[in-house]
């Protein structure tokens, strides 16, 4: 190969390199597209300032359960309260044990992706709004209405005489209200106030 052929080939390579560099480094001010945008599997695109990443949504759910396998019940493998040893009702906050998705008896993992969370205490709520059996009306005063981290509803601390308990608070219940609980349907219908509990029939 002569000296002229070497110069000609090097010149051609240089020109080709410059042309390719010019084509692929040309910036369009109004067009911003990436090759990933044309992927048919992408459902949404979000760009960040640091680097333009393409985030794909996860499609579909988990694997279907095999025939004969019963799915675990929800909201029973997250935590459980520690009740007093004597079994007596108390309004004091009780500690809880976090199960982390494990069965409380066998200790095996039943539900995955459960764990962590903020520390919280359990307040024993009395769900039975039953009045006296003799037909009289039980009147209780509301002393506190507060948020409960263990449930979505608010709870209220009510007391009558020496007995106090936690109950589920209604939307309009406030401190100082007098709520009534009855177990008998009156002969003459009455209009209950917010927070009262009467049998419906």
C-alpha atoms as a PDB file:
ATOM      1  CA  UNK A   1       0.000   0.000   0.000  1.00  0.00           C
ATOM      2  CA  UNK A   2       1.426   3.330  -1.032  1.00  0.00           C
ATOM      3  CA  UNK A   3       1.623   6.450   1.034  1.00  0.00           C
ATOM      4  CA  UNK A   4      -1.236   8.090  -0.928  1.00  0.00           C
ATOM      5  CA  UNK A   5      -3.561   5.172  -0.236  1.00  0.00           C
ATOM      6  CA  UNK A   6      -2.824   5.425   3.483  1.00  0.00           C
ATOM      7  CA  UNK A   7      -3.617   9.159   3.510  1.00  0.00           C
ATOM      8  CA  UNK A   8      -6.814   8.604   1.513  1.00  0.00           C
ATOM      9  CA  UNK A   9      -8.092   5.826   3.787  1.00  0.00           C
ATOM     10  CA  UNK A  10      -7.326   7.819   6.943  1.00  0.00           C
ATOM     11  CA  UNK A  11      -9.088  10.842   5.462  1.00  0.00           C
ATOM     12  CA  UNK A  12     -12.143   8.754   4.666  1.00  0.00           C
ATOM     13  CA  UNK A  13     -12.215   7.342   8.191  1.00  0.00           C
ATOM     14  CA  UNK A  14     -11.942  10.819   9.678  1.00  0.00           C
ATOM     15  CA  UNK A  15     -14.765  12.157   7.506  1.00  0.00           C
ATOM     16  CA  UNK A  16     -16.951   9.164   8.316  1.00  0.00           C
ATOM     17  CA  UNK A  17     -16.290   9.576  12.036  1.00  0.00           C
ATOM     18  CA  UNK A  18     -17.161  13.275  11.884  1.00  0.00           C
ATOM     19  CA  UNK A  19     -20.375  12.577   9.975  1.00  0.00           C
ATOM     20  CA  UNK A  20     -21.493   9.918  12.452  1.00  0.00           C
ATOM     21  CA  UNK A  21     -20.608  12.163  15.369  1.00  0.00           C
ATOM     22  CA  UNK A  22     -22.566  15.031  13.859  1.00  0.00           C
ATOM     23  CA  UNK A  23     -25.641  12.894  13.239  1.00  0.00           C
ATOM     24  CA  UNK A  24     -25.820  11.229  16.647  1.00  0.00           C
ATOM     25  CA  UNK A  25     -24.875  14.245  18.739  1.00  0.00           C
ATOM     26  CA  UNK A  26     -27.283  16.670  17.089  1.00  0.00           C
ATOM     27  CA  UNK A  27     -29.732  17.993  19.698  1.00  0.00           C
ATOM     28  CA  UNK A  28     -33.333  18.842  18.845  1.00  0.00           C
ATOM     29  CA  UNK A  29     -34.589  21.525  21.224  1.00  0.00           C
ATOM     30  CA  UNK A  30     -38.280  20.600  21.006  1.00  0.00           C
ATOM     31  CA  UNK A  31     -38.077  16.815  20.612  1.00  0.00           C
ATOM     32  CA  UNK A  32     -37.138  14.738  23.646  1.00  0.00           C
ATOM     33  CA  UNK A  33     -37.528  11.053  22.970  1.00  0.00           C
ATOM     34  CA  UNK A  34     -35.698   7.991  24.134  1.00  0.00           C
ATOM     35  CA  UNK A  35     -35.698   4.512  22.593  1.00  0.00           C
ATOM     36  CA  UNK A  36     -37.353   3.143  25.742  1.00  0.00           C
ATOM     37  CA  UNK A  37     -40.495   5.161  25.058  1.00  0.00           C
ATOM     38  CA  UNK A  38     -41.369   2.977  22.097  1.00  0.00           C
ATOM     39  CA  UNK A  39     -41.399  -0.201  24.183  1.00  0.00           C
ATOM     40  CA  UNK A  40     -44.977  -1.606  24.094  1.00  0.00           C
ATOM     41  CA  UNK A  41     -44.662  -2.957  27.647  1.00  0.00           C
ATOM     42  CA  UNK A  42     -44.344   0.496  29.211  1.00  0.00           C
ATOM     43  CA  UNK A  43     -47.539   1.917  30.701  1.00  0.00           C
ATOM     44  CA  UNK A  44     -46.203   5.129  32.227  1.00  0.00           C
ATOM     45  CA  UNK A  45     -43.045   7.201  32.061  1.00  0.00           C
ATOM     46  CA  UNK A  46     -41.619   9.514  34.682  1.00  0.00           C
ATOM     47  CA  UNK A  47     -38.392  11.478  34.387  1.00  0.00           C
ATOM     48  CA  UNK A  48     -36.137  12.611  37.184  1.00  0.00           C
ATOM     49  CA  UNK A  49     -33.672  15.464  37.190  1.00  0.00           C
ATOM     50  CA  UNK A  50     -30.589  13.422  37.924  1.00  0.00           C
ATOM     51  CA  UNK A  51     -30.963  10.830  35.246  1.00  0.00           C
ATOM     52  CA  UNK A  52     -33.838  10.076  32.934  1.00  0.00           C
ATOM     53  CA  UNK A  53     -35.073   6.692  34.066  1.00  0.00           C
ATOM     54  CA  UNK A  54     -38.098   4.842  32.808  1.00  0.00           C
ATOM     55  CA  UNK A  55     -40.249   3.343  35.554  1.00  0.00           C
ATOM     56  CA  UNK A  56     -42.486   0.439  34.588  1.00  0.00           C
ATOM     57  CA  UNK A  57     -45.647  -0.468  36.424  1.00  0.00           C
ATOM     58  CA  UNK A  58     -45.945  -3.996  37.721  1.00  0.00           C
ATOM     59  CA  UNK A  59     -48.732  -5.697  35.841  1.00  0.00           C
ATOM     60  CA  UNK A  60     -50.921  -8.467  37.160  1.00  0.00           C
ATOM     61  CA  UNK A  61     -51.099  -9.914  40.648  1.00  0.00           C
ATOM     62  CA  UNK A  62     -49.439 -12.777  42.450  1.00  0.00           C
ATOM     63  CA  UNK A  63     -49.534 -16.407  41.561  1.00  0.00           C
ATOM     64  CA  UNK A  64     -52.964 -18.038  41.783  1.00  0.00           C
ATOM     65  CA  UNK A  65     -53.481 -20.370  44.714  1.00  0.00           C
ATOM     66  CA  UNK A  66     -53.478 -24.067  44.024  1.00  0.00           C
ATOM     67  CA  UNK A  67     -56.697 -26.020  44.286  1.00  0.00           C
ATOM     68  CA  UNK A  68     -57.561 -26.855  47.864  1.00  0.00           C
ATOM     69  CA  UNK A  69     -55.445 -24.093  49.467  1.00  0.00           C
ATOM     70  CA  UNK A  70     -57.447 -21.577  51.510  1.00  0.00           C
ATOM     71  CA  UNK A  71     -56.054 -18.013  51.455  1.00  0.00           C
ATOM     72  CA  UNK A  72     -55.155 -16.573  54.884  1.00  0.00           C
ATOM     73  CA  UNK A  73     -57.618 -14.269  56.571  1.00  0.00           C
ATOM     74  CA  UNK A  74     -56.600 -10.601  56.371  1.00  0.00           C
ATOM     75  CA  UNK A  75     -55.574  -8.475  59.357  1.00  0.00           C
ATOM     76  CA  UNK A  76     -55.001 -11.325  61.824  1.00  0.00           C
ATOM     77  CA  UNK A  77     -51.273 -11.952  61.380  1.00  0.00           C
ATOM     78  CA  UNK A  78     -49.996  -8.423  61.955  1.00  0.00           C
ATOM     79  CA  UNK A  79     -50.211  -8.112  65.757  1.00  0.00           C
ATOM     80  CA  UNK A  80     -52.176  -9.308  68.777  1.00  0.00           C
ATOM     81  CA  UNK A  81     -52.799  -7.629  72.165  1.00  0.00           C
ATOM     82  CA  UNK A  82     -51.561  -8.916  75.507  1.00  0.00           C
ATOM     83  CA  UNK A  83     -54.576  -9.046  77.831  1.00  0.00           C
ATOM     84  CA  UNK A  84     -54.232  -9.037  81.645  1.00  0.00           C
ATOM     85  CA  UNK A  85     -53.544 -12.385  83.287  1.00  0.00           C
ATOM     86  CA  UNK A  86     -56.625 -12.142  85.523  1.00  0.00           C
ATOM     87  CA  UNK A  87     -58.878 -11.417  82.533  1.00  0.00           C
ATOM     88  CA  UNK A  88     -60.469  -8.352  84.126  1.00  0.00           C
ATOM     89  CA  UNK A  89     -61.413  -5.409  81.943  1.00  0.00           C
ATOM     90  CA  UNK A  90     -59.157  -2.360  82.152  1.00  0.00           C
ATOM     91  CA  UNK A  91     -58.950   1.002  80.440  1.00  0.00           C
ATOM     92  CA  UNK A  92     -55.157   1.155  80.679  1.00  0.00           C
ATOM     93  CA  UNK A  93     -53.178   0.852  77.424  1.00  0.00           C
ATOM     94  CA  UNK A  94     -52.087  -2.721  76.801  1.00  0.00           C
ATOM     95  CA  UNK A  95     -48.923  -3.831  74.969  1.00  0.00           C
ATOM     96  CA  UNK A  96     -49.120  -5.693  71.694  1.00  0.00           C
ATOM     97  CA  UNK A  97     -47.009  -8.427  70.116  1.00  0.00           C
ATOM     98  CA  UNK A  98     -46.144  -7.971  66.464  1.00  0.00           C
ATOM     99  CA  UNK A  99     -46.402 -11.251  64.597  1.00  0.00           C
ATOM    100  CA  UNK A 100     -44.776 -10.123  61.361  1.00  0.00           C
ATOM    101  CA  UNK A 101     -47.028 -12.336  59.256  1.00  0.00           C
ATOM    102  CA  UNK A 102     -46.352 -15.473  61.331  1.00  0.00           C
ATOM    103  CA  UNK A 103     -48.931 -17.810  62.776  1.00  0.00           C
ATOM    104  CA  UNK A 104     -49.316 -17.153  66.536  1.00  0.00           C
ATOM    105  CA  UNK A 105     -49.154 -20.872  67.398  1.00  0.00           C
ATOM    106  CA  UNK A 106     -46.866 -22.499  64.838  1.00  0.00           C
ATOM    107  CA  UNK A 107     -44.598 -19.511  64.190  1.00  0.00           C
ATOM    108  CA  UNK A 108     -44.512 -20.179  60.464  1.00  0.00           C
ATOM    109  CA  UNK A 109     -44.749 -17.367  57.944  1.00  0.00           C
ATOM    110  CA  UNK A 110     -48.323 -17.219  56.660  1.00  0.00           C
ATOM    111  CA  UNK A 111     -48.439 -13.772  55.032  1.00  0.00           C
ATOM    112  CA  UNK A 112     -45.359 -12.124  53.601  1.00  0.00           C
ATOM    113  CA  UNK A 113     -44.493  -8.394  53.339  1.00  0.00           C
ATOM    114  CA  UNK A 114     -45.714  -7.747  56.906  1.00  0.00           C
ATOM    115  CA  UNK A 115     -43.374  -6.205  59.442  1.00  0.00           C
ATOM    116  CA  UNK A 116     -42.122  -3.040  61.039  1.00  0.00           C
ATOM    117  CA  UNK A 117     -44.395  -0.118  61.749  1.00  0.00           C
ATOM    118  CA  UNK A 118     -44.692   2.490  64.465  1.00  0.00           C
ATOM    119  CA  UNK A 119     -44.907   1.400  68.083  1.00  0.00           C
ATOM    120  CA  UNK A 120     -48.482   1.507  69.397  1.00  0.00           C
ATOM    121  CA  UNK A 121     -50.570   0.454  72.380  1.00  0.00           C
ATOM    122  CA  UNK A 122     -53.900  -1.353  72.443  1.00  0.00           C
ATOM    123  CA  UNK A 123     -56.995   0.011  74.187  1.00  0.00           C
ATOM    124  CA  UNK A 124     -59.623  -2.534  75.105  1.00  0.00           C
ATOM    125  CA  UNK A 125     -62.897  -1.437  73.505  1.00  0.00           C
ATOM    126  CA  UNK A 126     -66.205  -2.679  74.903  1.00  0.00           C
ATOM    127  CA  UNK A 127     -68.336  -3.376  71.830  1.00  0.00           C
ATOM    128  CA  UNK A 128     -71.413  -4.561  73.747  1.00  0.00           C
ATOM    129  CA  UNK A 129     -73.633  -1.556  74.312  1.00  0.00           C
ATOM    130  CA  UNK A 130     -76.156  -3.456  76.415  1.00  0.00           C
ATOM    131  CA  UNK A 131     -78.328  -1.652  78.919  1.00  0.00           C
ATOM    132  CA  UNK A 132     -79.546  -2.908  82.307  1.00  0.00           C
ATOM    133  CA  UNK A 133     -81.746  -5.990  82.261  1.00  0.00           C
ATOM    134  CA  UNK A 134     -84.376  -4.387  84.514  1.00  0.00           C
ATOM    135  CA  UNK A 135     -85.394  -2.010  81.714  1.00  0.00           C
ATOM    136  CA  UNK A 136     -83.809   1.145  83.082  1.00  0.00           C
ATOM    137  CA  UNK A 137     -81.577   3.446  81.078  1.00  0.00           C
ATOM    138  CA  UNK A 138     -77.824   3.599  81.650  1.00  0.00           C
ATOM    139  CA  UNK A 139     -76.447   7.132  81.453  1.00  0.00           C
ATOM    140  CA  UNK A 140     -72.720   7.655  80.930  1.00  0.00           C
ATOM    141  CA  UNK A 141     -70.624  10.786  80.601  1.00  0.00           C
ATOM    142  CA  UNK A 142     -67.982  11.204  77.907  1.00  0.00           C
ATOM    143  CA  UNK A 143     -64.617  12.158  79.414  1.00  0.00           C
ATOM    144  CA  UNK A 144     -62.306  11.725  76.430  1.00  0.00           C
ATOM    145  CA  UNK A 145     -62.506  11.305  72.658  1.00  0.00           C
ATOM    146  CA  UNK A 146     -59.250  10.313  71.022  1.00  0.00           C
ATOM    147  CA  UNK A 147     -57.585   8.691  68.042  1.00  0.00           C
ATOM    148  CA  UNK A 148     -56.831   4.982  68.264  1.00  0.00           C
ATOM    149  CA  UNK A 149     -53.841   3.669  66.267  1.00  0.00           C
ATOM    150  CA  UNK A 150     -55.228   0.121  66.204  1.00  0.00           C
ATOM    151  CA  UNK A 151     -58.436   0.946  64.307  1.00  0.00           C
ATOM    152  CA  UNK A 152     -59.838   3.487  61.888  1.00  0.00           C
ATOM    153  CA  UNK A 153     -62.628   4.689  64.204  1.00  0.00           C
ATOM    154  CA  UNK A 154     -62.133   7.083  67.100  1.00  0.00           C
ATOM    155  CA  UNK A 155     -62.774   5.861  70.636  1.00  0.00           C
ATOM    156  CA  UNK A 156     -64.354   7.548  73.640  1.00  0.00           C
ATOM    157  CA  UNK A 157     -63.779   7.053  77.357  1.00  0.00           C
ATOM    158  CA  UNK A 158     -67.141   7.000  79.146  1.00  0.00           C
ATOM    159  CA  UNK A 159     -67.941   6.427  82.802  1.00  0.00           C
ATOM    160  CA  UNK A 160     -70.960   5.838  85.001  1.00  0.00           C
ATOM    161  CA  UNK A 161     -70.360   5.722  88.740  1.00  0.00           C
ATOM    162  CA  UNK A 162     -67.222   3.672  89.416  1.00  0.00           C
ATOM    163  CA  UNK A 163     -67.251   1.865  86.066  1.00  0.00           C
ATOM    164  CA  UNK A 164     -65.497   3.310  83.034  1.00  0.00           C
ATOM    165  CA  UNK A 165     -64.846   1.818  79.612  1.00  0.00           C
ATOM    166  CA  UNK A 166     -63.746   2.542  76.065  1.00  0.00           C
ATOM    167  CA  UNK A 167     -66.414   2.566  73.349  1.00  0.00           C
ATOM    168  CA  UNK A 168     -66.476   3.457  69.676  1.00  0.00           C
ATOM    169  CA  UNK A 169     -67.112   7.166  69.299  1.00  0.00           C
ATOM    170  CA  UNK A 170     -69.722   8.500  66.918  1.00  0.00           C
ATOM    171  CA  UNK A 171     -68.978  11.316  64.491  1.00  0.00           C
ATOM    172  CA  UNK A 172     -70.519  14.104  66.574  1.00  0.00           C
ATOM    173  CA  UNK A 173     -69.550  12.867  70.040  1.00  0.00           C
ATOM    174  CA  UNK A 174     -67.632  15.339  72.193  1.00  0.00           C
ATOM    175  CA  UNK A 175     -66.349  15.643  75.748  1.00  0.00           C
ATOM    176  CA  UNK A 176     -69.079  16.364  78.292  1.00  0.00           C
ATOM    177  CA  UNK A 177     -71.923  14.634  76.440  1.00  0.00           C
ATOM    178  CA  UNK A 178     -74.316  12.366  78.309  1.00  0.00           C
ATOM    179  CA  UNK A 179     -75.063   9.210  76.329  1.00  0.00           C
ATOM    180  CA  UNK A 180     -77.823   6.732  77.101  1.00  0.00           C
ATOM    181  CA  UNK A 181     -77.871   2.973  76.686  1.00  0.00           C
ATOM    182  CA  UNK A 182     -81.095   0.992  76.914  1.00  0.00           C
ATOM    183  CA  UNK A 183     -82.060  -2.642  76.337  1.00  0.00           C
ATOM    184  CA  UNK A 184     -85.827  -2.132  76.161  1.00  0.00           C
ATOM    185  CA  UNK A 185     -87.896  -0.706  73.326  1.00  0.00           C
ATOM    186  CA  UNK A 186     -90.104   2.032  74.812  1.00  0.00           C
ATOM    187  CA  UNK A 187     -93.837   2.050  74.204  1.00  0.00           C
ATOM    188  CA  UNK A 188     -93.658   5.628  72.964  1.00  0.00           C
ATOM    189  CA  UNK A 189     -90.907   6.192  70.352  1.00  0.00           C
ATOM    190  CA  UNK A 190     -88.246   8.708  71.294  1.00  0.00           C
ATOM    191  CA  UNK A 191     -85.655  10.601  69.290  1.00  0.00           C
ATOM    192  CA  UNK A 192     -82.162   9.478  70.386  1.00  0.00           C
ATOM    193  CA  UNK A 193     -79.239  11.845  70.651  1.00  0.00           C
ATOM    194  CA  UNK A 194     -75.877  11.363  68.989  1.00  0.00           C
ATOM    195  CA  UNK A 195     -74.110   8.491  70.769  1.00  0.00           C
ATOM    196  CA  UNK A 196     -77.167   6.813  72.310  1.00  0.00           C
ATOM    197  CA  UNK A 197     -77.699   3.070  71.920  1.00  0.00           C
ATOM    198  CA  UNK A 198     -81.226   1.655  71.726  1.00  0.00           C
ATOM    199  CA  UNK A 199     -82.517  -1.661  70.355  1.00  0.00           C
ATOM    200  CA  UNK A 200     -83.909  -1.442  66.847  1.00  0.00           C
ATOM    201  CA  UNK A 201     -86.531  -4.173  67.162  1.00  0.00           C
END
